[in-house]
Amino acid sequence: MASAPNHIDPTGYLDDLLAQTSPDLMRQMLQNTINLLLSAQADQVCGAEYGITSDTRTNRRNGYRHRDLDTRVGTIDVAVPKLRQGSYFPDWLPEHRTRVESALTSAVATAYLKA
């Protein structure tokens, strides 16, 4: 009886999984991850989580700006939180319809596998 291998190449394993994965799943994972990151950063700028009353709150949210983001897995809808005072737009997100490199897609896939 053959024993199971005690070492798996993570890069090769990820490549195999991604080759079998549909683009719709990757697009949805990427969209969810980006929107969660944007929400967390907006919470940090506001000084408190969304919907939570806090003495440390310095600003409040005021809806979302929807942006299309072109990626290798397709165009995704990104919801950028708007603030009541000032503005918020992350420096890592392209302002115009610019294609995002595969590094962001790979980071999301890796985070999904580790979670």
PDB file of N, CA and C in Angstrom:
ATOM      1  N   MET A   1       0.844  -1.167   0.000  1.00  0.00           N
ATOM      2  CA  MET A   1       0.000   0.000   0.000  1.00  0.00           C
ATOM      3  C   MET A   1       0.894   1.236   0.000  1.00  0.00           C
ATOM      4  N   ALA A   2       0.617   2.177  -0.882  1.00  0.00           N
ATOM      5  CA  ALA A   2       1.410   3.395  -0.995  1.00  0.00           C
ATOM      6  C   ALA A   2       0.978   4.389   0.079  1.00  0.00           C
ATOM      7  N   SER A   3       1.958   5.086   0.627  1.00  0.00           N
ATOM      8  CA  SER A   3       1.639   6.084   1.644  1.00  0.00           C
ATOM      9  C   SER A   3       1.386   7.433   0.974  1.00  0.00           C
ATOM     10  N   ALA A   4       0.672   8.281   1.672  1.00  0.00           N
ATOM     11  CA  ALA A   4       0.373   9.615   1.154  1.00  0.00           C
ATOM     12  C   ALA A   4       1.639  10.461   1.204  1.00  0.00           C
ATOM     13  N   PRO A   5       1.805  11.364   0.248  1.00  0.00           N
ATOM     14  CA  PRO A   5       2.991  12.228   0.279  1.00  0.00           C
ATOM     15  C   PRO A   5       2.933  13.156   1.486  1.00  0.00           C
ATOM     16  N   ASN A   6       4.094  13.425   2.061  1.00  0.00           N
ATOM     17  CA  ASN A   6       4.126  14.281   3.242  1.00  0.00           C
ATOM     18  C   ASN A   6       4.444  15.730   2.889  1.00  0.00           C
ATOM     19  N   HIS A   7       4.594  16.011   1.596  1.00  0.00           N
ATOM     20  CA  HIS A   7       4.880  17.377   1.168  1.00  0.00           C
ATOM     21  C   HIS A   7       4.082  17.677  -0.094  1.00  0.00           C
ATOM     22  N   ILE A   8       3.403  18.804  -0.096  1.00  0.00           N
ATOM     23  CA  ILE A   8       2.651  19.250  -1.268  1.00  0.00           C
ATOM     24  C   ILE A   8       3.209  20.603  -1.673  1.00  0.00           C
ATOM     25  N   ASP A   9       3.511  20.746  -2.951  1.00  0.00           N
ATOM     26  CA  ASP A   9       3.978  22.026  -3.477  1.00  0.00           C
ATOM     27  C   ASP A   9       2.786  22.984  -3.512  1.00  0.00           C
ATOM     28  N   PRO A  10       2.769  24.028  -2.661  1.00  0.00           N
ATOM     29  CA  PRO A  10       1.599  24.904  -2.605  1.00  0.00           C
ATOM     30  C   PRO A  10       1.326  25.627  -3.922  1.00  0.00           C
ATOM     31  N   THR A  11       2.368  26.035  -4.612  1.00  0.00           N
ATOM     32  CA  THR A  11       2.177  26.736  -5.882  1.00  0.00           C
ATOM     33  C   THR A  11       1.554  25.817  -6.916  1.00  0.00           C
ATOM     34  N   GLY A  12       2.067  24.607  -7.015  1.00  0.00           N
ATOM     35  CA  GLY A  12       1.509  23.643  -7.959  1.00  0.00           C
ATOM     36  C   GLY A  12       0.086  23.269  -7.607  1.00  0.00           C
ATOM     37  N   TYR A  13      -0.167  23.100  -6.318  1.00  0.00           N
ATOM     38  CA  TYR A  13      -1.513  22.763  -5.853  1.00  0.00           C
ATOM     39  C   TYR A  13      -2.495  23.880  -6.196  1.00  0.00           C
ATOM     40  N   LEU A  14      -2.079  25.133  -5.950  1.00  0.00           N
ATOM     41  CA  LEU A  14      -2.920  26.283  -6.262  1.00  0.00           C
ATOM     42  C   LEU A  14      -3.165  26.383  -7.760  1.00  0.00           C
ATOM     43  N   ASP A  15      -2.115  26.174  -8.551  1.00  0.00           N
ATOM     44  CA  ASP A  15      -2.270  26.206 -10.008  1.00  0.00           C
ATOM     45  C   ASP A  15      -3.261  25.151 -10.484  1.00  0.00           C
ATOM     46  N   ASP A  16      -3.188  23.947  -9.924  1.00  0.00           N
ATOM     47  CA  ASP A  16      -4.122  22.878 -10.301  1.00  0.00           C
ATOM     48  C   ASP A  16      -5.560  23.244  -9.939  1.00  0.00           C
ATOM     49  N   LEU A  17      -5.745  23.791  -8.746  1.00  0.00           N
ATOM     50  CA  LEU A  17      -7.093  24.176  -8.325  1.00  0.00           C
ATOM     51  C   LEU A  17      -7.652  25.302  -9.185  1.00  0.00           C
ATOM     52  N   LEU A  18      -6.807  26.287  -9.469  1.00  0.00           N
ATOM     53  CA  LEU A  18      -7.271  27.417 -10.269  1.00  0.00           C
ATOM     54  C   LEU A  18      -7.591  27.001 -11.699  1.00  0.00           C
ATOM     55  N   ALA A  19      -6.875  26.015 -12.219  1.00  0.00           N
ATOM     56  CA  ALA A  19      -7.146  25.532 -13.571  1.00  0.00           C
ATOM     57  C   ALA A  19      -8.510  24.849 -13.641  1.00  0.00           C
ATOM     58  N   GLN A  20      -8.959  24.279 -12.537  1.00  0.00           N
ATOM     59  CA  GLN A  20     -10.240  23.582 -12.504  1.00  0.00           C
ATOM     60  C   GLN A  20     -11.396  24.493 -12.085  1.00  0.00           C
ATOM     61  N   THR A  21     -11.083  25.682 -11.632  1.00  0.00           N
ATOM     62  CA  THR A  21     -12.087  26.590 -11.099  1.00  0.00           C
ATOM     63  C   THR A  21     -12.703  27.426 -12.211  1.00  0.00           C
ATOM     64  N   SER A  22     -13.977  27.672 -12.104  1.00  0.00           N
ATOM     65  CA  SER A  22     -14.650  28.500 -13.104  1.00  0.00           C
ATOM     66  C   SER A  22     -14.315  29.970 -12.864  1.00  0.00           C
ATOM     67  N   PRO A  23     -14.278  30.766 -13.925  1.00  0.00           N
ATOM     68  CA  PRO A  23     -14.004  32.198 -13.762  1.00  0.00           C
ATOM     69  C   PRO A  23     -15.061  32.906 -12.911  1.00  0.00           C
ATOM     70  N   ASP A  24     -16.295  32.400 -12.926  1.00  0.00           N
ATOM     71  CA  ASP A  24     -17.339  33.033 -12.122  1.00  0.00           C
ATOM     72  C   ASP A  24     -17.032  32.946 -10.635  1.00  0.00           C
ATOM     73  N   LEU A  25     -16.518  31.813 -10.181  1.00  0.00           N
ATOM     74  CA  LEU A  25     -16.158  31.663  -8.777  1.00  0.00           C
ATOM     75  C   LEU A  25     -15.022  32.615  -8.419  1.00  0.00           C
ATOM     76  N   MET A  26     -14.005  32.674  -9.249  1.00  0.00           N
ATOM     77  CA  MET A  26     -12.876  33.567  -8.985  1.00  0.00           C
ATOM     78  C   MET A  26     -13.324  35.026  -9.007  1.00  0.00           C
ATOM     79  N   ARG A  27     -14.183  35.383  -9.949  1.00  0.00           N
ATOM     80  CA  ARG A  27     -14.678  36.761 -10.043  1.00  0.00           C
ATOM     81  C   ARG A  27     -15.447  37.122  -8.767  1.00  0.00           C
ATOM     82  N   GLN A  28     -16.299  36.223  -8.294  1.00  0.00           N
ATOM     83  CA  GLN A  28     -17.083  36.476  -7.083  1.00  0.00           C
ATOM     84  C   GLN A  28     -16.183  36.577  -5.850  1.00  0.00           C
ATOM     85  N   MET A  29     -15.193  35.692  -5.742  1.00  0.00           N
ATOM     86  CA  MET A  29     -14.255  35.741  -4.613  1.00  0.00           C
ATOM     87  C   MET A  29     -13.480  37.051  -4.618  1.00  0.00           C
ATOM     88  N   LEU A  30     -13.026  37.477  -5.792  1.00  0.00           N
ATOM     89  CA  LEU A  30     -12.263  38.715  -5.906  1.00  0.00           C
ATOM     90  C   LEU A  30     -13.135  39.911  -5.550  1.00  0.00           C
ATOM     91  N   GLN A  31     -14.355  39.928  -6.042  1.00  0.00           N
ATOM     92  CA  GLN A  31     -15.269  41.026  -5.747  1.00  0.00           C
ATOM     93  C   GLN A  31     -15.558  41.108  -4.252  1.00  0.00           C
ATOM     94  N   ASN A  32     -15.859  39.982  -3.627  1.00  0.00           N
ATOM     95  CA  ASN A  32     -16.142  39.969  -2.189  1.00  0.00           C
ATOM     96  C   ASN A  32     -14.941  40.427  -1.373  1.00  0.00           C
ATOM     97  N   THR A  33     -13.755  39.962  -1.741  1.00  0.00           N
ATOM     98  CA  THR A  33     -12.547  40.328  -0.996  1.00  0.00           C
ATOM     99  C   THR A  33     -12.251  41.816  -1.119  1.00  0.00           C
ATOM    100  N   ILE A  34     -12.344  42.358  -2.319  1.00  0.00           N
ATOM    101  CA  ILE A  34     -12.079  43.787  -2.515  1.00  0.00           C
ATOM    102  C   ILE A  34     -13.092  44.622  -1.742  1.00  0.00           C
ATOM    103  N   ASN A  35     -14.371  44.250  -1.811  1.00  0.00           N
ATOM    104  CA  ASN A  35     -15.391  45.011  -1.093  1.00  0.00           C
ATOM    105  C   ASN A  35     -15.206  44.927   0.422  1.00  0.00           C
ATOM    106  N   LEU A  36     -14.773  43.768   0.926  1.00  0.00           N
ATOM    107  CA  LEU A  36     -14.481  43.649   2.360  1.00  0.00           C
ATOM    108  C   LEU A  36     -13.292  44.522   2.762  1.00  0.00           C
ATOM    109  N   LEU A  37     -12.261  44.554   1.920  1.00  0.00           N
ATOM    110  CA  LEU A  37     -11.103  45.412   2.201  1.00  0.00           C
ATOM    111  C   LEU A  37     -11.500  46.883   2.209  1.00  0.00           C
ATOM    112  N   LEU A  38     -12.301  47.291   1.230  1.00  0.00           N
ATOM    113  CA  LEU A  38     -12.745  48.682   1.166  1.00  0.00           C
ATOM    114  C   LEU A  38     -13.573  49.046   2.395  1.00  0.00           C
ATOM    115  N   SER A  39     -14.441  48.143   2.818  1.00  0.00           N
ATOM    116  CA  SER A  39     -15.272  48.387   3.993  1.00  0.00           C
ATOM    117  C   SER A  39     -14.417  48.503   5.253  1.00  0.00           C
ATOM    118  N   ALA A  40     -13.436  47.626   5.394  1.00  0.00           N
ATOM    119  CA  ALA A  40     -12.552  47.669   6.569  1.00  0.00           C
ATOM    120  C   ALA A  40     -11.738  48.955   6.595  1.00  0.00           C
ATOM    121  N   GLN A  41     -11.256  49.395   5.433  1.00  0.00           N
ATOM    122  CA  GLN A  41     -10.494  50.640   5.391  1.00  0.00           C
ATOM    123  C   GLN A  41     -11.384  51.843   5.692  1.00  0.00           C
ATOM    124  N   ALA A  42     -12.618  51.833   5.203  1.00  0.00           N
ATOM    125  CA  ALA A  42     -13.544  52.926   5.503  1.00  0.00           C
ATOM    126  C   ALA A  42     -13.861  52.960   6.998  1.00  0.00           C
ATOM    127  N   ASP A  43     -14.011  51.794   7.615  1.00  0.00           N
ATOM    128  CA  ASP A  43     -14.219  51.730   9.066  1.00  0.00           C
ATOM    129  C   ASP A  43     -13.051  52.368   9.805  1.00  0.00           C
ATOM    130  N   GLN A  44     -11.855  52.103   9.323  1.00  0.00           N
ATOM    131  CA  GLN A  44     -10.659  52.656   9.956  1.00  0.00           C
ATOM    132  C   GLN A  44     -10.632  54.179   9.811  1.00  0.00           C
ATOM    133  N   VAL A  45     -10.991  54.679   8.639  1.00  0.00           N
ATOM    134  CA  VAL A  45     -11.022  56.125   8.413  1.00  0.00           C
ATOM    135  C   VAL A  45     -12.085  56.783   9.300  1.00  0.00           C
ATOM    136  N   CYS A  46     -13.229  56.111   9.471  1.00  0.00           N
ATOM    137  CA  CYS A  46     -14.325  56.653  10.286  1.00  0.00           C
ATOM    138  C   CYS A  46     -14.067  56.524  11.782  1.00  0.00           C
ATOM    139  N   GLY A  47     -13.191  55.640  12.169  1.00  0.00           N
ATOM    140  CA  GLY A  47     -12.882  55.457  13.582  1.00  0.00           C
ATOM    141  C   GLY A  47     -13.782  54.467  14.291  1.00  0.00           C
ATOM    142  N   ALA A  48     -14.682  53.811  13.560  1.00  0.00           N
ATOM    143  CA  ALA A  48     -15.569  52.804  14.151  1.00  0.00           C
ATOM    144  C   ALA A  48     -16.157  51.955  13.033  1.00  0.00           C
ATOM    145  N   GLU A  49     -16.596  50.752  13.396  1.00  0.00           N
ATOM    146  CA  GLU A  49     -17.196  49.865  12.404  1.00  0.00           C
ATOM    147  C   GLU A  49     -18.534  50.410  11.934  1.00  0.00           C
ATOM    148  N   TYR A  50     -18.921  49.997  10.742  1.00  0.00           N
ATOM    149  CA  TYR A  50     -20.188  50.414  10.147  1.00  0.00           C
ATOM    150  C   TYR A  50     -21.356  49.995  11.039  1.00  0.00           C
ATOM    151  N   GLY A  51     -22.238  50.951  11.344  1.00  0.00           N
ATOM    152  CA  GLY A  51     -23.425  50.648  12.135  1.00  0.00           C
ATOM    153  C   GLY A  51     -23.212  50.597  13.637  1.00  0.00           C
ATOM    154  N   ILE A  52     -21.995  50.828  14.102  1.00  0.00           N
ATOM    155  CA  ILE A  52     -21.680  50.766  15.534  1.00  0.00           C
ATOM    156  C   ILE A  52     -21.537  52.190  16.081  1.00  0.00           C
ATOM    157  N   THR A  53     -22.222  52.480  17.178  1.00  0.00           N
ATOM    158  CA  THR A  53     -22.086  53.765  17.844  1.00  0.00           C
ATOM    159  C   THR A  53     -20.827  53.735  18.697  1.00  0.00           C
ATOM    160  N   SER A  54     -20.008  54.782  18.558  1.00  0.00           N
ATOM    161  CA  SER A  54     -18.745  54.811  19.294  1.00  0.00           C
ATOM    162  C   SER A  54     -18.323  56.255  19.549  1.00  0.00           C
ATOM    163  N   ASP A  55     -17.686  56.478  20.690  1.00  0.00           N
ATOM    164  CA  ASP A  55     -17.154  57.803  21.005  1.00  0.00           C
ATOM    165  C   ASP A  55     -15.937  58.134  20.154  1.00  0.00           C
ATOM    166  N   THR A  56     -15.312  57.125  19.589  1.00  0.00           N
ATOM    167  CA  THR A  56     -14.111  57.355  18.782  1.00  0.00           C
ATOM    168  C   THR A  56     -14.438  57.641  17.318  1.00  0.00           C
ATOM    169  N   ARG A  57     -15.715  57.583  16.947  1.00  0.00           N
ATOM    170  CA  ARG A  57     -16.105  57.815  15.552  1.00  0.00           C
ATOM    171  C   ARG A  57     -15.817  59.263  15.162  1.00  0.00           C
ATOM    172  N   THR A  58     -15.145  59.440  14.024  1.00  0.00           N
ATOM    173  CA  THR A  58     -14.823  60.774  13.526  1.00  0.00           C
ATOM    174  C   THR A  58     -15.568  61.111  12.245  1.00  0.00           C
ATOM    175  N   ASN A  59     -16.216  60.130  11.634  1.00  0.00           N
ATOM    176  CA  ASN A  59     -16.924  60.335  10.374  1.00  0.00           C
ATOM    177  C   ASN A  59     -17.985  59.247  10.234  1.00  0.00           C
ATOM    178  N   ARG A  60     -18.867  59.412   9.266  1.00  0.00           N
ATOM    179  CA  ARG A  60     -19.908  58.422   9.000  1.00  0.00           C
ATOM    180  C   ARG A  60     -19.946  58.105   7.515  1.00  0.00           C
ATOM    181  N   ARG A  61     -20.467  56.921   7.213  1.00  0.00           N
ATOM    182  CA  ARG A  61     -20.617  56.529   5.811  1.00  0.00           C
ATOM    183  C   ARG A  61     -21.878  57.144   5.221  1.00  0.00           C
ATOM    184  N   ASN A  62     -21.840  57.279   3.894  1.00  0.00           N
ATOM    185  CA  ASN A  62     -22.976  57.879   3.203  1.00  0.00           C
ATOM    186  C   ASN A  62     -23.194  57.175   1.866  1.00  0.00           C
ATOM    187  N   GLY A  63     -23.409  55.870   1.897  1.00  0.00           N
ATOM    188  CA  GLY A  63     -23.662  55.114   0.673  1.00  0.00           C
ATOM    189  C   GLY A  63     -22.389  54.605   0.017  1.00  0.00           C
ATOM    190  N   TYR A  64     -22.507  54.299  -1.275  1.00  0.00           N
ATOM    191  CA  TYR A  64     -21.393  53.723  -2.033  1.00  0.00           C
ATOM    192  C   TYR A  64     -21.307  54.349  -3.417  1.00  0.00           C
ATOM    193  N   ARG A  65     -20.105  54.355  -3.967  1.00  0.00           N
ATOM    194  CA  ARG A  65     -19.865  54.664  -5.379  1.00  0.00           C
ATOM    195  C   ARG A  65     -19.515  53.350  -6.040  1.00  0.00           C
ATOM    196  N   HIS A  66     -20.227  52.994  -7.073  1.00  0.00           N
ATOM    197  CA  HIS A  66     -19.938  51.740  -7.765  1.00  0.00           C
ATOM    198  C   HIS A  66     -18.980  52.007  -8.915  1.00  0.00           C
ATOM    199  N   ARG A  67     -17.947  51.182  -8.994  1.00  0.00           N
ATOM    200  CA  ARG A  67     -16.943  51.283 -10.051  1.00  0.00           C
ATOM    201  C   ARG A  67     -16.774  49.919 -10.693  1.00  0.00           C
ATOM    202  N   ASP A  68     -16.572  49.921 -11.996  1.00  0.00           N
ATOM    203  CA  ASP A  68     -16.232  48.686 -12.697  1.00  0.00           C
ATOM    204  C   ASP A  68     -14.725  48.525 -12.671  1.00  0.00           C
ATOM    205  N   LEU A  69     -14.272  47.344 -12.330  1.00  0.00           N
ATOM    206  CA  LEU A  69     -12.848  47.043 -12.271  1.00  0.00           C
ATOM    207  C   LEU A  69     -12.580  45.878 -13.207  1.00  0.00           C
ATOM    208  N   ASP A  70     -11.758  46.107 -14.218  1.00  0.00           N
ATOM    209  CA  ASP A  70     -11.428  45.061 -15.184  1.00  0.00           C
ATOM    210  C   ASP A  70     -10.300  44.199 -14.647  1.00  0.00           C
ATOM    211  N   THR A  71     -10.534  42.897 -14.594  1.00  0.00           N
ATOM    212  CA  THR A  71      -9.534  41.939 -14.139  1.00  0.00           C
ATOM    213  C   THR A  71      -9.411  40.836 -15.173  1.00  0.00           C
ATOM    214  N   ARG A  72      -8.495  39.942 -14.974  1.00  0.00           N
ATOM    215  CA  ARG A  72      -8.326  38.816 -15.890  1.00  0.00           C
ATOM    216  C   ARG A  72      -9.464  37.813 -15.792  1.00  0.00           C
ATOM    217  N   VAL A  73     -10.211  37.860 -14.707  1.00  0.00           N
ATOM    218  CA  VAL A  73     -11.360  36.963 -14.568  1.00  0.00           C
ATOM    219  C   VAL A  73     -12.655  37.655 -14.960  1.00  0.00           C
ATOM    220  N   GLY A  74     -12.563  38.859 -15.476  1.00  0.00           N
ATOM    221  CA  GLY A  74     -13.735  39.598 -15.941  1.00  0.00           C
ATOM    222  C   GLY A  74     -13.904  40.903 -15.190  1.00  0.00           C
ATOM    223  N   THR A  75     -14.917  41.649 -15.571  1.00  0.00           N
ATOM    224  CA  THR A  75     -15.213  42.928 -14.936  1.00  0.00           C
ATOM    225  C   THR A  75     -16.033  42.682 -13.675  1.00  0.00           C
ATOM    226  N   ILE A  76     -15.603  43.311 -12.587  1.00  0.00           N
ATOM    227  CA  ILE A  76     -16.320  43.166 -11.321  1.00  0.00           C
ATOM    228  C   ILE A  76     -16.817  44.530 -10.859  1.00  0.00           C
ATOM    229  N   ASP A  77     -17.894  44.509 -10.090  1.00  0.00           N
ATOM    230  CA  ASP A  77     -18.473  45.720  -9.526  1.00  0.00           C
ATOM    231  C   ASP A  77     -17.866  45.939  -8.146  1.00  0.00           C
ATOM    232  N   VAL A  78     -17.224  47.083  -7.977  1.00  0.00           N
ATOM    233  CA  VAL A  78     -16.591  47.417  -6.704  1.00  0.00           C
ATOM    234  C   VAL A  78     -17.407  48.529  -6.054  1.00  0.00           C
ATOM    235  N   ALA A  79     -17.798  48.337  -4.799  1.00  0.00           N
ATOM    236  CA  ALA A  79     -18.575  49.323  -4.051  1.00  0.00           C
ATOM    237  C   ALA A  79     -17.639  50.093  -3.128  1.00  0.00           C
ATOM    238  N   VAL A  80     -17.278  51.311  -3.532  1.00  0.00           N
ATOM    239  CA  VAL A  80     -16.381  52.154  -2.741  1.00  0.00           C
ATOM    240  C   VAL A  80     -17.236  52.969  -1.771  1.00  0.00           C
ATOM    241  N   PRO A  81     -17.032  52.812  -0.462  1.00  0.00           N
ATOM    242  CA  PRO A  81     -17.845  53.557   0.508  1.00  0.00           C
ATOM    243  C   PRO A  81     -17.630  55.065   0.379  1.00  0.00           C
ATOM    244  N   LYS A  82     -18.731  55.811   0.467  1.00  0.00           N
ATOM    245  CA  LYS A  82     -18.658  57.270   0.497  1.00  0.00           C
ATOM    246  C   LYS A  82     -18.742  57.707   1.954  1.00  0.00           C
ATOM    247  N   LEU A  83     -18.101  58.819   2.264  1.00  0.00           N
ATOM    248  CA  LEU A  83     -18.124  59.363   3.618  1.00  0.00           C
ATOM    249  C   LEU A  83     -18.903  60.671   3.632  1.00  0.00           C
ATOM    250  N   ARG A  84     -19.496  61.007   4.776  1.00  0.00           N
ATOM    251  CA  ARG A  84     -20.252  62.261   4.872  1.00  0.00           C
ATOM    252  C   ARG A  84     -19.334  63.472   4.826  1.00  0.00           C
ATOM    253  N   GLN A  85     -18.175  63.350   5.425  1.00  0.00           N
ATOM    254  CA  GLN A  85     -17.219  64.458   5.430  1.00  0.00           C
ATOM    255  C   GLN A  85     -15.948  63.995   4.744  1.00  0.00           C
ATOM    256  N   GLY A  86     -15.468  64.778   3.803  1.00  0.00           N
ATOM    257  CA  GLY A  86     -14.246  64.415   3.099  1.00  0.00           C
ATOM    258  C   GLY A  86     -14.508  63.345   2.061  1.00  0.00           C
ATOM    259  N   SER A  87     -13.439  62.703   1.641  1.00  0.00           N
ATOM    260  CA  SER A  87     -13.588  61.660   0.628  1.00  0.00           C
ATOM    261  C   SER A  87     -12.706  60.476   0.991  1.00  0.00           C
ATOM    262  N   TYR A  88     -13.039  59.356   0.392  1.00  0.00           N
ATOM    263  CA  TYR A  88     -12.263  58.137   0.603  1.00  0.00           C
ATOM    264  C   TYR A  88     -12.145  57.416  -0.723  1.00  0.00           C
ATOM    265  N   PHE A  89     -10.927  57.174  -1.138  1.00  0.00           N
ATOM    266  CA  PHE A  89     -10.652  56.327  -2.295  1.00  0.00           C
ATOM    267  C   PHE A  89      -9.267  55.731  -2.068  1.00  0.00           C
ATOM    268  N   PRO A  90      -9.171  54.400  -1.978  1.00  0.00           N
ATOM    269  CA  PRO A  90      -7.881  53.776  -1.654  1.00  0.00           C
ATOM    270  C   PRO A  90      -6.863  53.980  -2.768  1.00  0.00           C
ATOM    271  N   ASP A  91      -5.608  54.139  -2.379  1.00  0.00           N
ATOM    272  CA  ASP A  91      -4.557  54.365  -3.375  1.00  0.00           C
ATOM    273  C   ASP A  91      -4.222  53.106  -4.166  1.00  0.00           C
ATOM    274  N   TRP A  92      -4.597  51.929  -3.692  1.00  0.00           N
ATOM    275  CA  TRP A  92      -4.280  50.682  -4.383  1.00  0.00           C
ATOM    276  C   TRP A  92      -5.319  50.311  -5.439  1.00  0.00           C
ATOM    277  N   LEU A  93      -6.436  51.027  -5.477  1.00  0.00           N
ATOM    278  CA  LEU A  93      -7.490  50.734  -6.445  1.00  0.00           C
ATOM    279  C   LEU A  93      -7.400  51.735  -7.595  1.00  0.00           C
ATOM    280  N   PRO A  94      -7.291  51.264  -8.843  1.00  0.00           N
ATOM    281  CA  PRO A  94      -7.210  52.197  -9.973  1.00  0.00           C
ATOM    282  C   PRO A  94      -8.490  53.028 -10.074  1.00  0.00           C
ATOM    283  N   GLU A  95      -8.341  54.321 -10.358  1.00  0.00           N
ATOM    284  CA  GLU A  95      -9.503  55.202 -10.429  1.00  0.00           C
ATOM    285  C   GLU A  95     -10.311  54.982 -11.700  1.00  0.00           C
ATOM    286  N   HIS A  96      -9.652  54.718 -12.781  1.00  0.00           N
ATOM    287  CA  HIS A  96     -10.340  54.564 -14.057  1.00  0.00           C
ATOM    288  C   HIS A  96     -10.361  53.098 -14.451  1.00  0.00           C
ATOM    289  N   ARG A  97     -11.023  52.793 -15.528  1.00  0.00           N
ATOM    290  CA  ARG A  97     -11.147  51.404 -15.975  1.00  0.00           C
ATOM    291  C   ARG A  97      -9.787  50.901 -16.444  1.00  0.00           C
ATOM    292  N   THR A  98      -9.002  50.465 -15.509  1.00  0.00           N
ATOM    293  CA  THR A  98      -7.678  49.928 -15.767  1.00  0.00           C
ATOM    294  C   THR A  98      -7.679  48.464 -15.367  1.00  0.00           C
ATOM    295  N   ARG A  99      -7.034  47.639 -16.165  1.00  0.00           N
ATOM    296  CA  ARG A  99      -7.004  46.210 -15.855  1.00  0.00           C
ATOM    297  C   ARG A  99      -6.046  45.945 -14.692  1.00  0.00           C
ATOM    298  N   VAL A 100      -6.521  45.191 -13.742  1.00  0.00           N
ATOM    299  CA  VAL A 100      -5.725  44.844 -12.571  1.00  0.00           C
ATOM    300  C   VAL A 100      -4.900  43.615 -12.907  1.00  0.00           C
ATOM    301  N   GLU A 101      -3.664  43.624 -12.496  1.00  0.00           N
ATOM    302  CA  GLU A 101      -2.788  42.487 -12.777  1.00  0.00           C
ATOM    303  C   GLU A 101      -3.203  41.255 -11.992  1.00  0.00           C
ATOM    304  N   SER A 102      -2.651  40.152 -12.359  1.00  0.00           N
ATOM    305  CA  SER A 102      -3.040  38.871 -11.767  1.00  0.00           C
ATOM    306  C   SER A 102      -2.585  38.716 -10.316  1.00  0.00           C
ATOM    307  N   ALA A 103      -1.723  39.590  -9.845  1.00  0.00           N
ATOM    308  CA  ALA A 103      -1.245  39.470  -8.463  1.00  0.00           C
ATOM    309  C   ALA A 103      -2.398  39.576  -7.470  1.00  0.00           C
ATOM    310  N   LEU A 104      -3.336  40.468  -7.731  1.00  0.00           N
ATOM    311  CA  LEU A 104      -4.474  40.615  -6.833  1.00  0.00           C
ATOM    312  C   LEU A 104      -5.347  39.368  -6.864  1.00  0.00           C
ATOM    313  N   THR A 105      -5.552  38.811  -8.047  1.00  0.00           N
ATOM    314  CA  THR A 105      -6.336  37.586  -8.175  1.00  0.00           C
ATOM    315  C   THR A 105      -5.653  36.437  -7.450  1.00  0.00           C
ATOM    316  N   SER A 106      -4.345  36.325  -7.593  1.00  0.00           N
ATOM    317  CA  SER A 106      -3.599  35.264  -6.913  1.00  0.00           C
ATOM    318  C   SER A 106      -3.660  35.427  -5.398  1.00  0.00           C
ATOM    319  N   ALA A 107      -3.595  36.665  -4.928  1.00  0.00           N
ATOM    320  CA  ALA A 107      -3.659  36.909  -3.488  1.00  0.00           C
ATOM    321  C   ALA A 107      -5.007  36.471  -2.922  1.00  0.00           C
ATOM    322  N   VAL A 108      -6.078  36.741  -3.648  1.00  0.00           N
ATOM    323  CA  VAL A 108      -7.407  36.334  -3.190  1.00  0.00           C
ATOM    324  C   VAL A 108      -7.517  34.818  -3.172  1.00  0.00           C
ATOM    325  N   ALA A 109      -7.032  34.160  -4.221  1.00  0.00           N
ATOM    326  CA  ALA A 109      -7.100  32.701  -4.288  1.00  0.00           C
ATOM    327  C   ALA A 109      -6.288  32.063  -3.164  1.00  0.00           C
ATOM    328  N   THR A 110      -5.118  32.614  -2.881  1.00  0.00           N
ATOM    329  CA  THR A 110      -4.276  32.093  -1.813  1.00  0.00           C
ATOM    330  C   THR A 110      -4.955  32.273  -0.458  1.00  0.00           C
ATOM    331  N   ALA A 111      -5.533  33.452  -0.236  1.00  0.00           N
ATOM    332  CA  ALA A 111      -6.228  33.701   1.027  1.00  0.00           C
ATOM    333  C   ALA A 111      -7.414  32.762   1.188  1.00  0.00           C
ATOM    334  N   TYR A 112      -8.103  32.476   0.102  1.00  0.00           N
ATOM    335  CA  TYR A 112      -9.251  31.567   0.152  1.00  0.00           C
ATOM    336  C   TYR A 112      -8.806  30.160   0.540  1.00  0.00           C
ATOM    337  N   LEU A 113      -7.686  29.717  -0.011  1.00  0.00           N
ATOM    338  CA  LEU A 113      -7.193  28.379   0.296  1.00  0.00           C
ATOM    339  C   LEU A 113      -6.715  28.261   1.738  1.00  0.00           C
ATOM    340  N   LYS A 114      -6.157  29.328   2.274  1.00  0.00           N
ATOM    341  CA  LYS A 114      -5.643  29.294   3.643  1.00  0.00           C
ATOM    342  C   LYS A 114      -6.752  29.429   4.678  1.00  0.00           C
ATOM    343  N   ALA A 115      -7.883  29.977   4.286  1.00  0.00           N
ATOM    344  CA  ALA A 115      -8.974  30.230   5.244  1.00  0.00           C
ATOM    345  C   ALA A 115      -9.760  29.030   5.546  1.00  0.00           C
TER     346      ALA A 115
END
